[in-house]
ModelCIF file with pLDDT and N, C-alpha, C, O atoms, coordinates in Angstrom:
data_MODEL
#
_entry.id   MODEL 
#
_entity.id                         1 
_entity.type                       polymer 
_entity.pdbx_number_of_molecules   1 
#
_entity_poly.entity_id                      1 
_entity_poly.type                           'polypeptide(L)' 
_entity_poly.nstd_linkage                   no 
_entity_poly.nstd_monomer                   no 
_entity_poly.pdbx_seq_one_letter_code       
;(UNK)(UNK)(UNK)(UNK)(UNK)(UNK)(UNK)(UNK)(UNK)(UNK)(UNK)(UNK)(UNK)(UNK)(UNK)(UNK)
(UNK)(UNK)(UNK)(UNK)(UNK)(UNK)(UNK)(UNK)(UNK)(UNK)(UNK)(UNK)(UNK)(UNK)(UNK)(UNK)
(UNK)(UNK)(UNK)(UNK)(UNK)(UNK)(UNK)(UNK)(UNK)(UNK)(UNK)(UNK)(UNK)(UNK)
;
_entity_poly.pdbx_seq_one_letter_code_can   XXXXXXXXXXXXXXXXXXXXXXXXXXXXXXXXXXXXXXXXXXXXXX 
_entity_poly.pdbx_strand_id                 A 
#
loop_
_entity_poly_seq.entity_id 
_entity_poly_seq.num 
_entity_poly_seq.mon_id 
_entity_poly_seq.hetero 
1 1  UNK n 
1 2  UNK n 
1 3  UNK n 
1 4  UNK n 
1 5  UNK n 
1 6  UNK n 
1 7  UNK n 
1 8  UNK n 
1 9  UNK n 
1 10 UNK n 
1 11 UNK n 
1 12 UNK n 
1 13 UNK n 
1 14 UNK n 
1 15 UNK n 
1 16 UNK n 
1 17 UNK n 
1 18 UNK n 
1 19 UNK n 
1 20 UNK n 
1 21 UNK n 
1 22 UNK n 
1 23 UNK n 
1 24 UNK n 
1 25 UNK n 
1 26 UNK n 
1 27 UNK n 
1 28 UNK n 
1 29 UNK n 
1 30 UNK n 
1 31 UNK n 
1 32 UNK n 
1 33 UNK n 
1 34 UNK n 
1 35 UNK n 
1 36 UNK n 
1 37 UNK n 
1 38 UNK n 
1 39 UNK n 
1 40 UNK n 
1 41 UNK n 
1 42 UNK n 
1 43 UNK n 
1 44 UNK n 
1 45 UNK n 
1 46 UNK n 
#
_struct_asym.id          A 
_struct_asym.entity_id   1 
#
loop_
_ma_qa_metric.id 
_ma_qa_metric.mode 
_ma_qa_metric.name 
_ma_qa_metric.software_group_id 
_ma_qa_metric.type 
1 global pLDDT . pLDDT 
2 local  pLDDT . pLDDT 
#
_ma_qa_metric_global.metric_id      1 
_ma_qa_metric_global.metric_value   97.04 
_ma_qa_metric_global.model_id       1 
_ma_qa_metric_global.ordinal_id     1 
#
loop_
_ma_qa_metric_local.label_asym_id 
_ma_qa_metric_local.label_comp_id 
_ma_qa_metric_local.label_seq_id 
_ma_qa_metric_local.metric_id 
_ma_qa_metric_local.metric_value 
_ma_qa_metric_local.model_id 
_ma_qa_metric_local.ordinal_id 
A UNK 1  2 97.00 1 1  
A UNK 2  2 94.00 1 2  
A UNK 3  2 95.00 1 3  
A UNK 4  2 96.00 1 4  
A UNK 5  2 96.00 1 5  
A UNK 6  2 96.00 1 6  
A UNK 7  2 96.00 1 7  
A UNK 8  2 98.00 1 8  
A UNK 9  2 98.00 1 9  
A UNK 10 2 98.00 1 10 
A UNK 11 2 98.00 1 11 
A UNK 12 2 98.00 1 12 
A UNK 13 2 97.00 1 13 
A UNK 14 2 95.00 1 14 
A UNK 15 2 94.00 1 15 
A UNK 16 2 96.00 1 16 
A UNK 17 2 96.00 1 17 
A UNK 18 2 97.00 1 18 
A UNK 19 2 98.00 1 19 
A UNK 20 2 98.00 1 20 
A UNK 21 2 98.00 1 21 
A UNK 22 2 98.00 1 22 
A UNK 23 2 97.00 1 23 
A UNK 24 2 97.00 1 24 
A UNK 25 2 98.00 1 25 
A UNK 26 2 97.00 1 26 
A UNK 27 2 98.00 1 27 
A UNK 28 2 98.00 1 28 
A UNK 29 2 98.00 1 29 
A UNK 30 2 98.00 1 30 
A UNK 31 2 98.00 1 31 
A UNK 32 2 98.00 1 32 
A UNK 33 2 97.00 1 33 
A UNK 34 2 97.00 1 34 
A UNK 35 2 94.00 1 35 
A UNK 36 2 95.00 1 36 
A UNK 37 2 97.00 1 37 
A UNK 38 2 97.00 1 38 
A UNK 39 2 97.00 1 39 
A UNK 40 2 98.00 1 40 
A UNK 41 2 98.00 1 41 
A UNK 42 2 98.00 1 42 
A UNK 43 2 98.00 1 43 
A UNK 44 2 98.00 1 44 
A UNK 45 2 98.00 1 45 
A UNK 46 2 98.00 1 46 
#
loop_
_atom_site.group_PDB 
_atom_site.id 
_atom_site.type_symbol 
_atom_site.label_atom_id 
_atom_site.label_alt_id 
_atom_site.label_comp_id 
_atom_site.label_asym_id 
_atom_site.label_entity_id 
_atom_site.label_seq_id 
_atom_site.pdbx_PDB_ins_code 
_atom_site.Cartn_x 
_atom_site.Cartn_y 
_atom_site.Cartn_z 
_atom_site.occupancy 
_atom_site.B_iso_or_equiv 
_atom_site.pdbx_formal_charge 
_atom_site.auth_seq_id 
_atom_site.auth_comp_id 
_atom_site.auth_asym_id 
_atom_site.auth_atom_id 
_atom_site.pdbx_PDB_model_num 
ATOM 1   N N  . UNK A 1 1  ? 182.491 -65.362 -91.484  1.00 97.00 ? 1  UNK A N  1 
ATOM 2   C CA . UNK A 1 1  ? 181.260 -65.749 -91.026  1.00 97.00 ? 1  UNK A CA 1 
ATOM 3   C C  . UNK A 1 1  ? 181.670 -66.803 -89.929  1.00 97.00 ? 1  UNK A C  1 
ATOM 4   O O  . UNK A 1 1  ? 182.715 -67.453 -89.974  1.00 97.00 ? 1  UNK A O  1 
ATOM 5   N N  . UNK A 1 2  ? 180.596 -66.904 -88.811  1.00 94.00 ? 2  UNK A N  1 
ATOM 6   C CA . UNK A 1 2  ? 180.993 -68.080 -87.931  1.00 94.00 ? 2  UNK A CA 1 
ATOM 7   C C  . UNK A 1 2  ? 181.272 -69.166 -88.840  1.00 94.00 ? 2  UNK A C  1 
ATOM 8   O O  . UNK A 1 2  ? 181.014 -68.870 -90.006  1.00 94.00 ? 2  UNK A O  1 
ATOM 9   N N  . UNK A 1 3  ? 181.766 -70.457 -88.647  1.00 95.00 ? 3  UNK A N  1 
ATOM 10  C CA . UNK A 1 3  ? 181.782 -71.506 -89.085  1.00 95.00 ? 3  UNK A CA 1 
ATOM 11  C C  . UNK A 1 3  ? 182.090 -71.762 -90.697  1.00 95.00 ? 3  UNK A C  1 
ATOM 12  O O  . UNK A 1 3  ? 181.946 -72.858 -91.239  1.00 95.00 ? 3  UNK A O  1 
ATOM 13  N N  . UNK A 1 4  ? 182.509 -70.637 -91.320  1.00 96.00 ? 4  UNK A N  1 
ATOM 14  C CA . UNK A 1 4  ? 182.858 -70.727 -92.588  1.00 96.00 ? 4  UNK A CA 1 
ATOM 15  C C  . UNK A 1 4  ? 184.600 -70.067 -92.941  1.00 96.00 ? 4  UNK A C  1 
ATOM 16  O O  . UNK A 1 4  ? 185.418 -69.755 -92.075  1.00 96.00 ? 4  UNK A O  1 
ATOM 17  N N  . UNK A 1 5  ? 184.761 -70.008 -94.154  1.00 96.00 ? 5  UNK A N  1 
ATOM 18  C CA . UNK A 1 5  ? 186.333 -69.884 -94.654  1.00 96.00 ? 5  UNK A CA 1 
ATOM 19  C C  . UNK A 1 5  ? 186.244 -68.399 -94.537  1.00 96.00 ? 5  UNK A C  1 
ATOM 20  O O  . UNK A 1 5  ? 185.246 -67.680 -94.600  1.00 96.00 ? 5  UNK A O  1 
ATOM 21  N N  . UNK A 1 6  ? 187.807 -68.016 -94.307  1.00 96.00 ? 6  UNK A N  1 
ATOM 22  C CA . UNK A 1 6  ? 187.527 -66.513 -95.142  1.00 96.00 ? 6  UNK A CA 1 
ATOM 23  C C  . UNK A 1 6  ? 187.512 -66.057 -96.184  1.00 96.00 ? 6  UNK A C  1 
ATOM 24  O O  . UNK A 1 6  ? 188.601 -66.367 -96.665  1.00 96.00 ? 6  UNK A O  1 
ATOM 25  N N  . UNK A 1 7  ? 186.773 -65.290 -97.151  1.00 96.00 ? 7  UNK A N  1 
ATOM 26  C CA . UNK A 1 7  ? 186.665 -65.088 -98.213  1.00 96.00 ? 7  UNK A CA 1 
ATOM 27  C C  . UNK A 1 7  ? 186.932 -63.726 -98.655  1.00 96.00 ? 7  UNK A C  1 
ATOM 28  O O  . UNK A 1 7  ? 186.367 -62.885 -97.956  1.00 96.00 ? 7  UNK A O  1 
ATOM 29  N N  . UNK A 1 8  ? 187.580 -63.300 -99.547  1.00 98.00 ? 8  UNK A N  1 
ATOM 30  C CA . UNK A 1 8  ? 187.709 -62.199 -100.410 1.00 98.00 ? 8  UNK A CA 1 
ATOM 31  C C  . UNK A 1 8  ? 186.925 -61.537 -100.984 1.00 98.00 ? 8  UNK A C  1 
ATOM 32  O O  . UNK A 1 8  ? 186.503 -61.911 -102.078 1.00 98.00 ? 8  UNK A O  1 
ATOM 33  N N  . UNK A 1 9  ? 186.457 -60.232 -100.341 1.00 98.00 ? 9  UNK A N  1 
ATOM 34  C CA . UNK A 1 9  ? 185.104 -59.071 -100.955 1.00 98.00 ? 9  UNK A CA 1 
ATOM 35  C C  . UNK A 1 9  ? 185.876 -58.495 -101.493 1.00 98.00 ? 9  UNK A C  1 
ATOM 36  O O  . UNK A 1 9  ? 185.776 -58.951 -102.632 1.00 98.00 ? 9  UNK A O  1 
ATOM 37  N N  . UNK A 1 10 ? 186.789 -57.620 -101.518 1.00 98.00 ? 10 UNK A N  1 
ATOM 38  C CA . UNK A 1 10 ? 186.988 -56.395 -102.148 1.00 98.00 ? 10 UNK A CA 1 
ATOM 39  C C  . UNK A 1 10 ? 188.237 -56.311 -102.390 1.00 98.00 ? 10 UNK A C  1 
ATOM 40  O O  . UNK A 1 10 ? 188.943 -56.810 -101.514 1.00 98.00 ? 10 UNK A O  1 
ATOM 41  N N  . UNK A 1 11 ? 188.960 -55.692 -103.584 1.00 98.00 ? 11 UNK A N  1 
ATOM 42  C CA . UNK A 1 11 ? 190.413 -55.215 -103.674 1.00 98.00 ? 11 UNK A CA 1 
ATOM 43  C C  . UNK A 1 11 ? 190.724 -54.026 -104.270 1.00 98.00 ? 11 UNK A C  1 
ATOM 44  O O  . UNK A 1 11 ? 190.147 -53.864 -105.345 1.00 98.00 ? 11 UNK A O  1 
ATOM 45  N N  . UNK A 1 12 ? 191.401 -53.198 -103.947 1.00 98.00 ? 12 UNK A N  1 
ATOM 46  C CA . UNK A 1 12 ? 191.520 -52.068 -104.363 1.00 98.00 ? 12 UNK A CA 1 
ATOM 47  C C  . UNK A 1 12 ? 193.146 -51.885 -104.404 1.00 98.00 ? 12 UNK A C  1 
ATOM 48  O O  . UNK A 1 12 ? 193.728 -52.133 -103.348 1.00 98.00 ? 12 UNK A O  1 
ATOM 49  N N  . UNK A 1 13 ? 194.009 -51.433 -105.638 1.00 97.00 ? 13 UNK A N  1 
ATOM 50  C CA . UNK A 1 13 ? 195.320 -51.550 -106.406 1.00 97.00 ? 13 UNK A CA 1 
ATOM 51  C C  . UNK A 1 13 ? 195.393 -50.217 -105.268 1.00 97.00 ? 13 UNK A C  1 
ATOM 52  O O  . UNK A 1 13 ? 194.527 -49.576 -104.673 1.00 97.00 ? 13 UNK A O  1 
ATOM 53  N N  . UNK A 1 14 ? 197.317 -50.155 -105.321 1.00 95.00 ? 14 UNK A N  1 
ATOM 54  C CA . UNK A 1 14 ? 197.861 -49.067 -105.110 1.00 95.00 ? 14 UNK A CA 1 
ATOM 55  C C  . UNK A 1 14 ? 197.548 -47.761 -104.797 1.00 95.00 ? 14 UNK A C  1 
ATOM 56  O O  . UNK A 1 14 ? 197.554 -47.271 -103.668 1.00 95.00 ? 14 UNK A O  1 
ATOM 57  N N  . UNK A 1 15 ? 197.165 -46.993 -106.260 1.00 94.00 ? 15 UNK A N  1 
ATOM 58  C CA . UNK A 1 15 ? 196.844 -45.641 -106.370 1.00 94.00 ? 15 UNK A CA 1 
ATOM 59  C C  . UNK A 1 15 ? 195.016 -45.672 -106.181 1.00 94.00 ? 15 UNK A C  1 
ATOM 60  O O  . UNK A 1 15 ? 194.333 -44.653 -106.082 1.00 94.00 ? 15 UNK A O  1 
ATOM 61  N N  . UNK A 1 16 ? 194.582 -46.817 -106.169 1.00 96.00 ? 16 UNK A N  1 
ATOM 62  C CA . UNK A 1 16 ? 193.118 -47.093 -105.731 1.00 96.00 ? 16 UNK A CA 1 
ATOM 63  C C  . UNK A 1 16 ? 192.555 -46.862 -107.220 1.00 96.00 ? 16 UNK A C  1 
ATOM 64  O O  . UNK A 1 16 ? 191.342 -46.651 -107.186 1.00 96.00 ? 16 UNK A O  1 
ATOM 65  N N  . UNK A 1 17 ? 193.084 -46.842 -108.485 1.00 96.00 ? 17 UNK A N  1 
ATOM 66  C CA . UNK A 1 17 ? 192.287 -46.860 -109.788 1.00 96.00 ? 17 UNK A CA 1 
ATOM 67  C C  . UNK A 1 17 ? 191.874 -47.976 -110.408 1.00 96.00 ? 17 UNK A C  1 
ATOM 68  O O  . UNK A 1 17 ? 191.671 -48.024 -111.622 1.00 96.00 ? 17 UNK A O  1 
ATOM 69  N N  . UNK A 1 18 ? 191.705 -49.054 -109.524 1.00 97.00 ? 18 UNK A N  1 
ATOM 70  C CA . UNK A 1 18 ? 191.439 -50.397 -109.613 1.00 97.00 ? 18 UNK A CA 1 
ATOM 71  C C  . UNK A 1 18 ? 190.878 -50.799 -108.882 1.00 97.00 ? 18 UNK A C  1 
ATOM 72  O O  . UNK A 1 18 ? 191.305 -50.376 -107.807 1.00 97.00 ? 18 UNK A O  1 
ATOM 73  N N  . UNK A 1 19 ? 189.774 -51.678 -108.701 1.00 98.00 ? 19 UNK A N  1 
ATOM 74  C CA . UNK A 1 19 ? 188.885 -52.543 -107.503 1.00 98.00 ? 19 UNK A CA 1 
ATOM 75  C C  . UNK A 1 19 ? 188.566 -53.902 -108.237 1.00 98.00 ? 19 UNK A C  1 
ATOM 76  O O  . UNK A 1 19 ? 188.455 -54.059 -109.453 1.00 98.00 ? 19 UNK A O  1 
ATOM 77  N N  . UNK A 1 20 ? 188.437 -54.877 -107.221 1.00 98.00 ? 20 UNK A N  1 
ATOM 78  C CA . UNK A 1 20 ? 188.114 -56.248 -107.871 1.00 98.00 ? 20 UNK A CA 1 
ATOM 79  C C  . UNK A 1 20 ? 186.868 -56.527 -106.702 1.00 98.00 ? 20 UNK A C  1 
ATOM 80  O O  . UNK A 1 20 ? 187.038 -55.938 -105.635 1.00 98.00 ? 20 UNK A O  1 
ATOM 81  N N  . UNK A 1 21 ? 185.899 -57.198 -106.802 1.00 98.00 ? 21 UNK A N  1 
ATOM 82  C CA . UNK A 1 21 ? 184.634 -57.587 -106.206 1.00 98.00 ? 21 UNK A CA 1 
ATOM 83  C C  . UNK A 1 21 ? 184.595 -58.840 -106.584 1.00 98.00 ? 21 UNK A C  1 
ATOM 84  O O  . UNK A 1 21 ? 184.891 -59.441 -107.617 1.00 98.00 ? 21 UNK A O  1 
ATOM 85  N N  . UNK A 1 22 ? 183.936 -59.286 -104.973 1.00 98.00 ? 22 UNK A N  1 
ATOM 86  C CA . UNK A 1 22 ? 183.701 -60.768 -105.201 1.00 98.00 ? 22 UNK A CA 1 
ATOM 87  C C  . UNK A 1 22 ? 182.250 -60.766 -105.865 1.00 98.00 ? 22 UNK A C  1 
ATOM 88  O O  . UNK A 1 22 ? 181.544 -59.767 -105.730 1.00 98.00 ? 22 UNK A O  1 
ATOM 89  N N  . UNK A 1 23 ? 181.893 -61.638 -106.430 1.00 97.00 ? 23 UNK A N  1 
ATOM 90  C CA . UNK A 1 23 ? 180.522 -61.383 -107.352 1.00 97.00 ? 23 UNK A CA 1 
ATOM 91  C C  . UNK A 1 23 ? 179.196 -61.296 -106.314 1.00 97.00 ? 23 UNK A C  1 
ATOM 92  O O  . UNK A 1 23 ? 178.090 -60.981 -106.753 1.00 97.00 ? 23 UNK A O  1 
ATOM 93  N N  . UNK A 1 24 ? 179.403 -61.583 -105.001 1.00 97.00 ? 24 UNK A N  1 
ATOM 94  C CA . UNK A 1 24 ? 178.539 -61.825 -104.447 1.00 97.00 ? 24 UNK A CA 1 
ATOM 95  C C  . UNK A 1 24 ? 178.270 -59.787 -103.512 1.00 97.00 ? 24 UNK A C  1 
ATOM 96  O O  . UNK A 1 24 ? 177.373 -59.226 -102.883 1.00 97.00 ? 24 UNK A O  1 
ATOM 97  N N  . UNK A 1 25 ? 179.057 -59.587 -103.788 1.00 98.00 ? 25 UNK A N  1 
ATOM 98  C CA . UNK A 1 25 ? 179.217 -57.838 -103.379 1.00 98.00 ? 25 UNK A CA 1 
ATOM 99  C C  . UNK A 1 25 ? 178.893 -57.267 -104.800 1.00 98.00 ? 25 UNK A C  1 
ATOM 100 O O  . UNK A 1 25 ? 177.946 -56.481 -104.822 1.00 98.00 ? 25 UNK A O  1 
ATOM 101 N N  . UNK A 1 26 ? 179.274 -57.425 -105.530 1.00 97.00 ? 26 UNK A N  1 
ATOM 102 C CA . UNK A 1 26 ? 179.550 -56.294 -106.947 1.00 97.00 ? 26 UNK A CA 1 
ATOM 103 C C  . UNK A 1 26 ? 178.236 -56.079 -107.100 1.00 97.00 ? 26 UNK A C  1 
ATOM 104 O O  . UNK A 1 26 ? 177.250 -56.814 -107.168 1.00 97.00 ? 26 UNK A O  1 
ATOM 105 N N  . UNK A 1 27 ? 178.537 -54.218 -107.164 1.00 98.00 ? 27 UNK A N  1 
ATOM 106 C CA . UNK A 1 27 ? 177.057 -53.390 -107.566 1.00 98.00 ? 27 UNK A CA 1 
ATOM 107 C C  . UNK A 1 27 ? 176.666 -52.765 -106.480 1.00 98.00 ? 27 UNK A C  1 
ATOM 108 O O  . UNK A 1 27 ? 176.168 -51.640 -106.459 1.00 98.00 ? 27 UNK A O  1 
ATOM 109 N N  . UNK A 1 28 ? 176.989 -53.850 -105.038 1.00 98.00 ? 28 UNK A N  1 
ATOM 110 C CA . UNK A 1 28 ? 176.619 -53.312 -103.674 1.00 98.00 ? 28 UNK A CA 1 
ATOM 111 C C  . UNK A 1 28 ? 177.645 -52.537 -102.961 1.00 98.00 ? 28 UNK A C  1 
ATOM 112 O O  . UNK A 1 28 ? 177.316 -51.613 -102.216 1.00 98.00 ? 28 UNK A O  1 
ATOM 113 N N  . UNK A 1 29 ? 178.699 -52.820 -103.123 1.00 98.00 ? 29 UNK A N  1 
ATOM 114 C CA . UNK A 1 29 ? 179.953 -52.734 -101.972 1.00 98.00 ? 29 UNK A CA 1 
ATOM 115 C C  . UNK A 1 29 ? 181.163 -51.414 -103.302 1.00 98.00 ? 29 UNK A C  1 
ATOM 116 O O  . UNK A 1 29 ? 181.343 -51.209 -104.502 1.00 98.00 ? 29 UNK A O  1 
ATOM 117 N N  . UNK A 1 30 ? 181.499 -51.059 -102.327 1.00 98.00 ? 30 UNK A N  1 
ATOM 118 C CA . UNK A 1 30 ? 182.692 -49.964 -102.853 1.00 98.00 ? 30 UNK A CA 1 
ATOM 119 C C  . UNK A 1 30 ? 183.907 -50.024 -102.415 1.00 98.00 ? 30 UNK A C  1 
ATOM 120 O O  . UNK A 1 30 ? 183.824 -49.362 -101.381 1.00 98.00 ? 30 UNK A O  1 
ATOM 121 N N  . UNK A 1 31 ? 185.269 -50.462 -102.526 1.00 98.00 ? 31 UNK A N  1 
ATOM 122 C CA . UNK A 1 31 ? 186.589 -49.883 -101.904 1.00 98.00 ? 31 UNK A CA 1 
ATOM 123 C C  . UNK A 1 31 ? 186.547 -48.700 -102.379 1.00 98.00 ? 31 UNK A C  1 
ATOM 124 O O  . UNK A 1 31 ? 185.965 -48.261 -103.372 1.00 98.00 ? 31 UNK A O  1 
ATOM 125 N N  . UNK A 1 32 ? 187.538 -47.946 -101.211 1.00 98.00 ? 32 UNK A N  1 
ATOM 126 C CA . UNK A 1 32 ? 188.219 -46.630 -102.128 1.00 98.00 ? 32 UNK A CA 1 
ATOM 127 C C  . UNK A 1 32 ? 189.208 -46.841 -100.729 1.00 98.00 ? 32 UNK A C  1 
ATOM 128 O O  . UNK A 1 32 ? 189.195 -47.643 -99.796  1.00 98.00 ? 32 UNK A O  1 
ATOM 129 N N  . UNK A 1 33 ? 190.189 -45.513 -101.162 1.00 97.00 ? 33 UNK A N  1 
ATOM 130 C CA . UNK A 1 33 ? 191.177 -45.212 -100.012 1.00 97.00 ? 33 UNK A CA 1 
ATOM 131 C C  . UNK A 1 33 ? 191.697 -43.891 -100.219 1.00 97.00 ? 33 UNK A C  1 
ATOM 132 O O  . UNK A 1 33 ? 191.888 -43.500 -101.371 1.00 97.00 ? 33 UNK A O  1 
ATOM 133 N N  . UNK A 1 34 ? 192.018 -42.952 -98.952  1.00 97.00 ? 34 UNK A N  1 
ATOM 134 C CA . UNK A 1 34 ? 192.473 -42.226 -99.303  1.00 97.00 ? 34 UNK A CA 1 
ATOM 135 C C  . UNK A 1 34 ? 194.286 -42.061 -98.879  1.00 97.00 ? 34 UNK A C  1 
ATOM 136 O O  . UNK A 1 34 ? 194.605 -42.032 -97.690  1.00 97.00 ? 34 UNK A O  1 
ATOM 137 N N  . UNK A 1 35 ? 195.004 -41.994 -99.621  1.00 94.00 ? 35 UNK A N  1 
ATOM 138 C CA . UNK A 1 35 ? 196.227 -42.279 -99.484  1.00 94.00 ? 35 UNK A CA 1 
ATOM 139 C C  . UNK A 1 35 ? 196.957 -41.233 -98.682  1.00 94.00 ? 35 UNK A C  1 
ATOM 140 O O  . UNK A 1 35 ? 198.128 -41.416 -98.348  1.00 94.00 ? 35 UNK A O  1 
ATOM 141 N N  . UNK A 1 36 ? 196.180 -39.956 -98.312  1.00 95.00 ? 36 UNK A N  1 
ATOM 142 C CA . UNK A 1 36 ? 196.922 -39.099 -97.594  1.00 95.00 ? 36 UNK A CA 1 
ATOM 143 C C  . UNK A 1 36 ? 196.377 -39.353 -96.170  1.00 95.00 ? 36 UNK A C  1 
ATOM 144 O O  . UNK A 1 36 ? 197.013 -39.146 -95.137  1.00 95.00 ? 36 UNK A O  1 
ATOM 145 N N  . UNK A 1 37 ? 195.294 -39.762 -96.238  1.00 97.00 ? 37 UNK A N  1 
ATOM 146 C CA . UNK A 1 37 ? 194.958 -40.461 -94.503  1.00 97.00 ? 37 UNK A CA 1 
ATOM 147 C C  . UNK A 1 37 ? 195.033 -41.620 -94.206  1.00 97.00 ? 37 UNK A C  1 
ATOM 148 O O  . UNK A 1 37 ? 194.358 -42.005 -93.250  1.00 97.00 ? 37 UNK A O  1 
ATOM 149 N N  . UNK A 1 38 ? 195.925 -42.613 -94.965  1.00 97.00 ? 38 UNK A N  1 
ATOM 150 C CA . UNK A 1 38 ? 196.408 -43.721 -94.592  1.00 97.00 ? 38 UNK A CA 1 
ATOM 151 C C  . UNK A 1 38 ? 195.252 -44.407 -94.432  1.00 97.00 ? 38 UNK A C  1 
ATOM 152 O O  . UNK A 1 38 ? 195.226 -45.106 -93.419  1.00 97.00 ? 38 UNK A O  1 
ATOM 153 N N  . UNK A 1 39 ? 194.163 -44.427 -95.206  1.00 97.00 ? 39 UNK A N  1 
ATOM 154 C CA . UNK A 1 39 ? 192.618 -44.902 -94.536  1.00 97.00 ? 39 UNK A CA 1 
ATOM 155 C C  . UNK A 1 39 ? 192.008 -45.975 -95.862  1.00 97.00 ? 39 UNK A C  1 
ATOM 156 O O  . UNK A 1 39 ? 192.232 -45.810 -97.061  1.00 97.00 ? 39 UNK A O  1 
ATOM 157 N N  . UNK A 1 40 ? 191.338 -46.888 -95.344  1.00 98.00 ? 40 UNK A N  1 
ATOM 158 C CA . UNK A 1 40 ? 191.128 -47.657 -96.621  1.00 98.00 ? 40 UNK A CA 1 
ATOM 159 C C  . UNK A 1 40 ? 189.716 -47.713 -96.328  1.00 98.00 ? 40 UNK A C  1 
ATOM 160 O O  . UNK A 1 40 ? 189.558 -47.728 -95.107  1.00 98.00 ? 40 UNK A O  1 
ATOM 161 N N  . UNK A 1 41 ? 188.728 -47.746 -96.905  1.00 98.00 ? 41 UNK A N  1 
ATOM 162 C CA . UNK A 1 41 ? 187.266 -47.736 -97.107  1.00 98.00 ? 41 UNK A CA 1 
ATOM 163 C C  . UNK A 1 41 ? 186.474 -48.869 -97.536  1.00 98.00 ? 41 UNK A C  1 
ATOM 164 O O  . UNK A 1 41 ? 186.956 -49.409 -98.531  1.00 98.00 ? 41 UNK A O  1 
ATOM 165 N N  . UNK A 1 42 ? 185.388 -49.412 -97.091  1.00 98.00 ? 42 UNK A N  1 
ATOM 166 C CA . UNK A 1 42 ? 184.533 -50.459 -97.836  1.00 98.00 ? 42 UNK A CA 1 
ATOM 167 C C  . UNK A 1 42 ? 182.767 -49.712 -97.528  1.00 98.00 ? 42 UNK A C  1 
ATOM 168 O O  . UNK A 1 42 ? 182.199 -49.854 -96.445  1.00 98.00 ? 42 UNK A O  1 
ATOM 169 N N  . UNK A 1 43 ? 182.442 -49.311 -98.152  1.00 98.00 ? 43 UNK A N  1 
ATOM 170 C CA . UNK A 1 43 ? 181.517 -48.790 -98.141  1.00 98.00 ? 43 UNK A CA 1 
ATOM 171 C C  . UNK A 1 43 ? 180.173 -49.627 -99.363  1.00 98.00 ? 43 UNK A C  1 
ATOM 172 O O  . UNK A 1 43 ? 179.872 -49.688 -100.555 1.00 98.00 ? 43 UNK A O  1 
ATOM 173 N N  . UNK A 1 44 ? 179.605 -50.308 -97.511  1.00 98.00 ? 44 UNK A N  1 
ATOM 174 C CA . UNK A 1 44 ? 178.306 -51.076 -98.040  1.00 98.00 ? 44 UNK A CA 1 
ATOM 175 C C  . UNK A 1 44 ? 176.966 -50.755 -98.168  1.00 98.00 ? 44 UNK A C  1 
ATOM 176 O O  . UNK A 1 44 ? 176.276 -50.444 -97.198  1.00 98.00 ? 44 UNK A O  1 
ATOM 177 N N  . UNK A 1 45 ? 176.543 -50.811 -99.334  1.00 98.00 ? 45 UNK A N  1 
ATOM 178 C CA . UNK A 1 45 ? 175.127 -51.026 -99.391  1.00 98.00 ? 45 UNK A CA 1 
ATOM 179 C C  . UNK A 1 45 ? 174.184 -51.586 -100.002 1.00 98.00 ? 45 UNK A C  1 
ATOM 180 O O  . UNK A 1 45 ? 174.370 -51.912 -101.174 1.00 98.00 ? 45 UNK A O  1 
ATOM 181 N N  . UNK A 1 46 ? 173.153 -51.796 -99.479  1.00 98.00 ? 46 UNK A N  1 
ATOM 182 C CA . UNK A 1 46 ? 172.134 -52.774 -99.750  1.00 98.00 ? 46 UNK A CA 1 
ATOM 183 C C  . UNK A 1 46 ? 172.184 -54.329 -99.014  1.00 98.00 ? 46 UNK A C  1 
ATOM 184 O O  . UNK A 1 46 ? 171.304 -55.155 -99.257  1.00 98.00 ? 46 UNK A O  1 
#
């Protein structure tokens, strides 16, 4: 955000089987990946 440092939000393992989230978004955001499509996703709710 403007005037703030860059912060990590979500992380996902190579195979997509492990994820980690910042406490501020845990339970609301979900990271996923489709390796067949070379695409990473972040679903953001609430």
